[in-house]
PDB file of N, CA and C in Angstrom:
ATOM      1  N   UNK A   1       0.845  -1.210   0.034  1.00  0.00           N
ATOM      2  CA  UNK A   1      -0.042  -0.001  -0.016  1.00  0.00           C
ATOM      3  C   UNK A   1       0.901   1.237  -0.020  1.00  0.00           C
ATOM      4  N   UNK A   2       0.254   2.380  -0.359  1.00  0.00           N
ATOM      5  CA  UNK A   2       1.035   3.653  -0.372  1.00  0.00           C
ATOM      6  C   UNK A   2       1.247   4.067  -1.745  1.00  0.00           C
ATOM      7  N   UNK A   3       1.921   5.203  -1.862  1.00  0.00           N
ATOM      8  CA  UNK A   3       2.266   5.791  -3.204  1.00  0.00           C
ATOM      9  C   UNK A   3       3.706   5.490  -3.490  1.00  0.00           C
ATOM     10  N   UNK A   4       3.996   5.446  -4.745  1.00  0.00           N
ATOM     11  CA  UNK A   4       5.349   5.258  -5.150  1.00  0.00           C
ATOM     12  C   UNK A   4       6.105   6.592  -5.236  1.00  0.00           C
ATOM     13  N   UNK A   5       7.340   6.617  -4.784  1.00  0.00           N
ATOM     14  CA  UNK A   5       8.096   7.790  -4.886  1.00  0.00           C
ATOM     15  C   UNK A   5       8.909   7.850  -6.167  1.00  0.00           C
ATOM     16  N   UNK A   6       8.943   8.962  -6.790  1.00  0.00           N
ATOM     17  CA  UNK A   6       9.732   9.054  -8.106  1.00  0.00           C
ATOM     18  C   UNK A   6      10.593  10.303  -7.954  1.00  0.00           C
ATOM     19  N   UNK A   7      11.900  10.101  -8.162  1.00  0.00           N
ATOM     20  CA  UNK A   7      12.914  11.234  -8.113  1.00  0.00           C
ATOM     21  C   UNK A   7      12.550  12.254  -9.262  1.00  0.00           C
ATOM     22  N   UNK A   8      12.459  13.521  -8.894  1.00  0.00           N
ATOM     23  CA  UNK A   8      12.141  14.629  -9.790  1.00  0.00           C
ATOM     24  C   UNK A   8      13.182  15.735  -9.811  1.00  0.00           C
ATOM     25  N   UNK A   9      14.376  15.428  -9.219  1.00  0.00           N
ATOM     26  CA  UNK A   9      15.376  16.530  -9.246  1.00  0.00           C
ATOM     27  C   UNK A   9      15.578  16.996  -7.819  1.00  0.00           C
ATOM     28  N   UNK A  10      16.485  17.967  -7.787  1.00  0.00           N
ATOM     29  CA  UNK A  10      16.913  18.559  -6.538  1.00  0.00           C
ATOM     30  C   UNK A  10      15.926  19.758  -6.177  1.00  0.00           C
ATOM     31  N   UNK A  11      15.449  19.767  -4.893  1.00  0.00           N
ATOM     32  CA  UNK A  11      14.558  20.799  -4.457  1.00  0.00           C
ATOM     33  C   UNK A  11      15.300  22.111  -4.168  1.00  0.00           C
ATOM     34  N   UNK A  12      16.474  22.000  -3.530  1.00  0.00           N
ATOM     35  CA  UNK A  12      17.353  23.039  -3.267  1.00  0.00           C
ATOM     36  C   UNK A  12      18.769  22.589  -3.135  1.00  0.00           C
ATOM     37  N   UNK A  13      19.766  23.416  -3.293  1.00  0.00           N
ATOM     38  CA  UNK A  13      21.170  22.984  -3.177  1.00  0.00           C
ATOM     39  C   UNK A  13      21.655  22.938  -1.764  1.00  0.00           C
ATOM     40  N   UNK A  14      22.999  22.689  -1.679  1.00  0.00           N
ATOM     41  CA  UNK A  14      23.578  22.633  -0.350  1.00  0.00           C
ATOM     42  C   UNK A  14      23.554  24.053   0.298  1.00  0.00           C
ATOM     43  N   UNK A  15      23.463  24.134   1.529  1.00  0.00           N
ATOM     44  CA  UNK A  15      23.478  25.361   2.225  1.00  0.00           C
ATOM     45  C   UNK A  15      24.880  25.931   2.395  1.00  0.00           C
ATOM     46  N   UNK A  16      25.061  27.269   2.559  1.00  0.00           N
ATOM     47  CA  UNK A  16      26.321  27.867   2.670  1.00  0.00           C
ATOM     48  C   UNK A  16      27.063  27.416   3.942  1.00  0.00           C
ATOM     49  N   UNK A  17      28.234  27.015   3.817  1.00  0.00           N
ATOM     50  CA  UNK A  17      29.151  26.618   4.901  1.00  0.00           C
ATOM     51  C   UNK A  17      28.630  25.437   5.702  1.00  0.00           C
ATOM     52  N   UNK A  18      27.760  24.545   5.037  1.00  0.00           N
ATOM     53  CA  UNK A  18      27.234  23.390   5.726  1.00  0.00           C
ATOM     54  C   UNK A  18      27.055  22.270   4.699  1.00  0.00           C
ATOM     55  N   UNK A  19      27.235  20.992   5.173  1.00  0.00           N
ATOM     56  CA  UNK A  19      27.100  19.829   4.358  1.00  0.00           C
ATOM     57  C   UNK A  19      25.831  19.201   4.526  1.00  0.00           C
ATOM     58  N   UNK A  20      24.898  19.758   5.414  1.00  0.00           N
ATOM     59  CA  UNK A  20      23.583  19.187   5.617  1.00  0.00           C
ATOM     60  C   UNK A  20      22.613  20.448   5.614  1.00  0.00           C
ATOM     61  N   UNK A  21      21.292  20.208   5.412  1.00  0.00           N
ATOM     62  CA  UNK A  21      20.359  21.296   5.605  1.00  0.00           C
ATOM     63  C   UNK A  21      19.170  20.897   6.439  1.00  0.00           C
ATOM     64  N   UNK A  22      18.933  19.559   6.682  1.00  0.00           N
ATOM     65  CA  UNK A  22      17.841  19.077   7.548  1.00  0.00           C
ATOM     66  C   UNK A  22      16.564  19.801   7.246  1.00  0.00           C
ATOM     67  N   UNK A  23      15.995  19.679   5.957  1.00  0.00           N
ATOM     68  CA  UNK A  23      14.881  20.479   5.512  1.00  0.00           C
ATOM     69  C   UNK A  23      13.570  20.024   6.140  1.00  0.00           C
ATOM     70  N   UNK A  24      12.598  20.895   6.167  1.00  0.00           N
ATOM     71  CA  UNK A  24      11.290  20.594   6.514  1.00  0.00           C
ATOM     72  C   UNK A  24      10.335  21.523   5.779  1.00  0.00           C
ATOM     73  N   UNK A  25       9.117  20.998   5.468  1.00  0.00           N
ATOM     74  CA  UNK A  25       8.086  21.834   4.683  1.00  0.00           C
ATOM     75  C   UNK A  25       6.923  21.994   5.586  1.00  0.00           C
ATOM     76  N   UNK A  26       6.368  23.188   5.576  1.00  0.00           N
ATOM     77  CA  UNK A  26       5.199  23.540   6.390  1.00  0.00           C
ATOM     78  C   UNK A  26       4.313  24.508   5.633  1.00  0.00           C
ATOM     79  N   UNK A  27       2.979  24.428   5.850  1.00  0.00           N
ATOM     80  CA  UNK A  27       2.022  25.317   5.330  1.00  0.00           C
ATOM     81  C   UNK A  27       1.493  26.165   6.463  1.00  0.00           C
ATOM     82  N   UNK A  28       1.443  27.460   6.190  1.00  0.00           N
ATOM     83  CA  UNK A  28       0.907  28.433   7.201  1.00  0.00           C
ATOM     84  C   UNK A  28       0.221  29.584   6.523  1.00  0.00           C
ATOM     85  N   UNK A  29      -1.023  29.830   6.891  1.00  0.00           N
ATOM     86  CA  UNK A  29      -1.678  30.943   6.322  1.00  0.00           C
ATOM     87  C   UNK A  29      -1.961  30.886   4.811  1.00  0.00           C
ATOM     88  N   UNK A  30      -2.010  29.636   4.275  1.00  0.00           N
ATOM     89  CA  UNK A  30      -2.233  29.448   2.851  1.00  0.00           C
ATOM     90  C   UNK A  30      -0.935  29.543   2.050  1.00  0.00           C
ATOM     91  N   UNK A  31       0.201  29.696   2.677  1.00  0.00           N
ATOM     92  CA  UNK A  31       1.528  29.696   1.918  1.00  0.00           C
ATOM     93  C   UNK A  31       2.292  28.526   2.360  1.00  0.00           C
ATOM     94  N   UNK A  32       3.187  28.038   1.515  1.00  0.00           N
ATOM     95  CA  UNK A  32       4.110  26.934   1.835  1.00  0.00           C
ATOM     96  C   UNK A  32       5.484  27.447   2.018  1.00  0.00           C
ATOM     97  N   UNK A  33       6.207  26.827   2.930  1.00  0.00           N
ATOM     98  CA  UNK A  33       7.575  27.223   3.305  1.00  0.00           C
ATOM     99  C   UNK A  33       8.506  26.097   3.387  1.00  0.00           C
ATOM    100  N   UNK A  34       9.745  26.315   2.955  1.00  0.00           N
ATOM    101  CA  UNK A  34      10.859  25.375   3.210  1.00  0.00           C
ATOM    102  C   UNK A  34      11.791  25.877   4.248  1.00  0.00           C
ATOM    103  N   UNK A  35      11.893  25.119   5.387  1.00  0.00           N
ATOM    104  CA  UNK A  35      12.767  25.429   6.453  1.00  0.00           C
ATOM    105  C   UNK A  35      14.048  24.591   6.283  1.00  0.00           C
ATOM    106  N   UNK A  36      15.149  25.144   6.583  1.00  0.00           N
ATOM    107  CA  UNK A  36      16.446  24.406   6.471  1.00  0.00           C
ATOM    108  C   UNK A  36      17.439  25.128   7.370  1.00  0.00           C
ATOM    109  N   UNK A  37      18.739  24.757   7.317  1.00  0.00           N
ATOM    110  CA  UNK A  37      19.673  25.514   8.102  1.00  0.00           C
ATOM    111  C   UNK A  37      20.951  25.701   7.239  1.00  0.00           C
ATOM    112  N   UNK A  38      21.686  26.778   7.588  1.00  0.00           N
ATOM    113  CA  UNK A  38      23.033  26.949   7.009  1.00  0.00           C
ATOM    114  C   UNK A  38      23.943  27.150   8.168  1.00  0.00           C
ATOM    115  N   UNK A  39      25.223  27.552   7.859  1.00  0.00           N
ATOM    116  CA  UNK A  39      26.198  27.711   9.045  1.00  0.00           C
ATOM    117  C   UNK A  39      26.968  29.102   8.799  1.00  0.00           C
ATOM    118  N   UNK A  40      26.207  30.160   8.625  1.00  0.00           N
ATOM    119  CA  UNK A  40      26.818  31.402   8.334  1.00  0.00           C
ATOM    120  C   UNK A  40      26.668  32.405   9.439  1.00  0.00           C
ATOM    121  N   UNK A  41      25.936  32.156  10.517  1.00  0.00           N
ATOM    122  CA  UNK A  41      25.693  33.003  11.603  1.00  0.00           C
ATOM    123  C   UNK A  41      27.012  33.464  12.294  1.00  0.00           C
ATOM    124  N   UNK A  42      27.169  34.766  12.455  1.00  0.00           N
ATOM    125  CA  UNK A  42      28.243  35.266  13.177  1.00  0.00           C
ATOM    126  C   UNK A  42      27.873  35.521  14.554  1.00  0.00           C
ATOM    127  N   UNK A  43      28.591  35.046  15.583  1.00  0.00           N
ATOM    128  CA  UNK A  43      28.246  35.257  16.987  1.00  0.00           C
ATOM    129  C   UNK A  43      29.503  35.838  17.668  1.00  0.00           C
ATOM    130  N   UNK A  44      29.320  37.034  18.346  1.00  0.00           N
ATOM    131  CA  UNK A  44      30.464  37.639  19.070  1.00  0.00           C
ATOM    132  C   UNK A  44      31.660  37.899  18.207  1.00  0.00           C
ATOM    133  N   UNK A  45      31.476  38.170  16.898  1.00  0.00           N
ATOM    134  CA  UNK A  45      32.590  38.287  15.937  1.00  0.00           C
ATOM    135  C   UNK A  45      33.117  37.044  15.381  1.00  0.00           C
ATOM    136  N   UNK A  46      32.744  35.837  15.831  1.00  0.00           N
ATOM    137  CA  UNK A  46      33.167  34.644  15.282  1.00  0.00           C
ATOM    138  C   UNK A  46      32.316  34.190  14.130  1.00  0.00           C
ATOM    139  N   UNK A  47      33.006  34.006  12.983  1.00  0.00           N
ATOM    140  CA  UNK A  47      32.337  33.645  11.770  1.00  0.00           C
ATOM    141  C   UNK A  47      31.642  32.277  11.890  1.00  0.00           C
ATOM    142  N   UNK A  48      30.630  32.051  11.037  1.00  0.00           N
ATOM    143  CA  UNK A  48      29.951  30.700  11.054  1.00  0.00           C
ATOM    144  C   UNK A  48      30.891  29.489  10.950  1.00  0.00           C
ATOM    145  N   UNK A  49      30.446  28.415  11.471  1.00  0.00           N
ATOM    146  CA  UNK A  49      31.219  27.175  11.391  1.00  0.00           C
ATOM    147  C   UNK A  49      30.337  26.047  10.981  1.00  0.00           C
ATOM    148  N   UNK A  50      30.921  24.964  10.468  1.00  0.00           N
ATOM    149  CA  UNK A  50      30.128  23.895   9.904  1.00  0.00           C
ATOM    150  C   UNK A  50      29.203  23.308  11.024  1.00  0.00           C
ATOM    151  N   UNK A  51      29.578  23.256  12.233  1.00  0.00           N
ATOM    152  CA  UNK A  51      28.752  22.683  13.324  1.00  0.00           C
ATOM    153  C   UNK A  51      27.770  23.629  13.864  1.00  0.00           C
ATOM    154  N   UNK A  52      27.818  24.914  13.386  1.00  0.00           N
ATOM    155  CA  UNK A  52      26.836  25.918  13.928  1.00  0.00           C
ATOM    156  C   UNK A  52      25.669  26.034  12.900  1.00  0.00           C
ATOM    157  N   UNK A  53      24.425  25.902  13.448  1.00  0.00           N
ATOM    158  CA  UNK A  53      23.237  25.829  12.506  1.00  0.00           C
ATOM    159  C   UNK A  53      22.382  27.029  12.725  1.00  0.00           C
ATOM    160  N   UNK A  54      22.168  27.796  11.631  1.00  0.00           N
ATOM    161  CA  UNK A  54      21.246  28.875  11.670  1.00  0.00           C
ATOM    162  C   UNK A  54      19.980  28.538  10.811  1.00  0.00           C
ATOM    163  N   UNK A  55      18.856  28.692  11.513  1.00  0.00           N
ATOM    164  CA  UNK A  55      17.610  28.339  10.929  1.00  0.00           C
ATOM    165  C   UNK A  55      17.258  29.349   9.737  1.00  0.00           C
ATOM    166  N   UNK A  56      16.863  28.831   8.581  1.00  0.00           N
ATOM    167  CA  UNK A  56      16.502  29.631   7.482  1.00  0.00           C
ATOM    168  C   UNK A  56      15.093  29.230   6.905  1.00  0.00           C
ATOM    169  N   UNK A  57      14.483  30.161   6.165  1.00  0.00           N
ATOM    170  CA  UNK A  57      13.175  29.815   5.675  1.00  0.00           C
ATOM    171  C   UNK A  57      12.947  30.606   4.318  1.00  0.00           C
ATOM    172  N   UNK A  58      12.467  29.896   3.312  1.00  0.00           N
ATOM    173  CA  UNK A  58      12.154  30.543   2.019  1.00  0.00           C
ATOM    174  C   UNK A  58      10.800  30.001   1.599  1.00  0.00           C
ATOM    175  N   UNK A  59      10.109  30.728   0.777  1.00  0.00           N
ATOM    176  CA  UNK A  59       8.834  30.218   0.230  1.00  0.00           C
ATOM    177  C   UNK A  59       9.002  29.015  -0.695  1.00  0.00           C
ATOM    178  N   UNK A  60       8.067  28.201  -0.677  1.00  0.00           N
ATOM    179  CA  UNK A  60       7.982  26.998  -1.574  1.00  0.00           C
ATOM    180  C   UNK A  60       6.741  27.092  -2.433  1.00  0.00           C
ATOM    181  N   UNK A  61       7.023  26.916  -3.741  1.00  0.00           N
ATOM    182  CA  UNK A  61       5.875  27.029  -4.635  1.00  0.00           C
ATOM    183  C   UNK A  61       5.641  25.673  -5.388  1.00  0.00           C
ATOM    184  N   UNK A  62       4.431  25.508  -5.857  1.00  0.00           N
ATOM    185  CA  UNK A  62       4.071  24.212  -6.586  1.00  0.00           C
ATOM    186  C   UNK A  62       3.716  24.550  -7.955  1.00  0.00           C
ATOM    187  N   UNK A  63       4.023  23.594  -8.792  1.00  0.00           N
ATOM    188  CA  UNK A  63       3.577  23.766 -10.239  1.00  0.00           C
ATOM    189  C   UNK A  63       2.173  23.167 -10.262  1.00  0.00           C
ATOM    190  N   UNK A  64       1.403  23.582 -11.331  1.00  0.00           N
ATOM    191  CA  UNK A  64       0.042  23.147 -11.478  1.00  0.00           C
ATOM    192  C   UNK A  64      -0.165  21.597 -11.395  1.00  0.00           C
ATOM    193  N   UNK A  65       0.848  20.814 -11.743  1.00  0.00           N
ATOM    194  CA  UNK A  65       0.739  19.406 -11.646  1.00  0.00           C
ATOM    195  C   UNK A  65       1.051  18.898 -10.274  1.00  0.00           C
ATOM    196  N   UNK A  66       1.249  19.714  -9.294  1.00  0.00           N
ATOM    197  CA  UNK A  66       1.570  19.306  -7.936  1.00  0.00           C
ATOM    198  C   UNK A  66       3.034  19.086  -7.584  1.00  0.00           C
ATOM    199  N   UNK A  67       3.917  19.141  -8.572  1.00  0.00           N
ATOM    200  CA  UNK A  67       5.296  19.007  -8.223  1.00  0.00           C
ATOM    201  C   UNK A  67       5.844  20.361  -7.628  1.00  0.00           C
ATOM    202  N   UNK A  68       6.935  20.216  -6.935  1.00  0.00           N
ATOM    203  CA  UNK A  68       7.481  21.437  -6.246  1.00  0.00           C
ATOM    204  C   UNK A  68       8.469  22.115  -7.223  1.00  0.00           C
ATOM    205  N   UNK A  69       8.417  23.454  -7.151  1.00  0.00           N
ATOM    206  CA  UNK A  69       9.418  24.279  -7.933  1.00  0.00           C
ATOM    207  C   UNK A  69      10.693  24.300  -7.105  1.00  0.00           C
ATOM    208  N   UNK A  70      11.854  24.337  -7.710  1.00  0.00           N
ATOM    209  CA  UNK A  70      13.145  24.448  -7.068  1.00  0.00           C
ATOM    210  C   UNK A  70      13.156  25.707  -6.179  1.00  0.00           C
ATOM    211  N   UNK A  71      13.711  25.618  -4.958  1.00  0.00           N
ATOM    212  CA  UNK A  71      13.734  26.744  -4.016  1.00  0.00           C
ATOM    213  C   UNK A  71      15.171  27.352  -4.086  1.00  0.00           C
ATOM    214  N   UNK A  72      15.262  28.636  -4.319  1.00  0.00           N
ATOM    215  CA  UNK A  72      16.499  29.303  -4.303  1.00  0.00           C
ATOM    216  C   UNK A  72      16.710  29.856  -2.852  1.00  0.00           C
ATOM    217  N   UNK A  73      17.836  29.417  -2.213  1.00  0.00           N
ATOM    218  CA  UNK A  73      18.116  29.919  -0.857  1.00  0.00           C
ATOM    219  C   UNK A  73      18.506  31.373  -0.916  1.00  0.00           C
ATOM    220  N   UNK A  74      17.894  32.186   0.006  1.00  0.00           N
ATOM    221  CA  UNK A  74      18.204  33.556   0.071  1.00  0.00           C
ATOM    222  C   UNK A  74      18.835  33.913   1.386  1.00  0.00           C
ATOM    223  N   UNK A  75      19.499  35.022   1.529  1.00  0.00           N
ATOM    224  CA  UNK A  75      19.989  35.433   2.738  1.00  0.00           C
ATOM    225  C   UNK A  75      18.921  36.248   3.492  1.00  0.00           C
ATOM    226  N   UNK A  76      17.954  36.820   2.745  1.00  0.00           N
ATOM    227  CA  UNK A  76      16.884  37.596   3.357  1.00  0.00           C
ATOM    228  C   UNK A  76      15.796  36.810   3.914  1.00  0.00           C
ATOM    229  N   UNK A  77      15.512  35.544   3.488  1.00  0.00           N
ATOM    230  CA  UNK A  77      14.411  34.771   3.947  1.00  0.00           C
ATOM    231  C   UNK A  77      13.138  35.325   3.478  1.00  0.00           C
ATOM    232  N   UNK A  78      12.001  35.230   4.247  1.00  0.00           N
ATOM    233  CA  UNK A  78      10.764  35.742   3.713  1.00  0.00           C
ATOM    234  C   UNK A  78      10.490  37.137   4.296  1.00  0.00           C
ATOM    235  N   UNK A  79       9.558  37.850   3.639  1.00  0.00           N
ATOM    236  CA  UNK A  79       9.207  39.193   4.094  1.00  0.00           C
ATOM    237  C   UNK A  79       7.652  39.241   4.278  1.00  0.00           C
TER     238      UNK A  79
END
């Protein structure tokens, strides 16, 4: 039982200064969002590091056929 999964390409690329993104998708207020992390946050003058995770969010859009459009990671996030 269940649906079959089919590879359709990459949803988003690697995050800056990180080899993982641990993504999550959520709908809120009729909009869809991709949450992920990168490692660029500067704390007390110390630049980001691979083990430091900064939460990021960008909008996620769907095509008319229900497939997801690729998400471009931004430094601004959502407005």
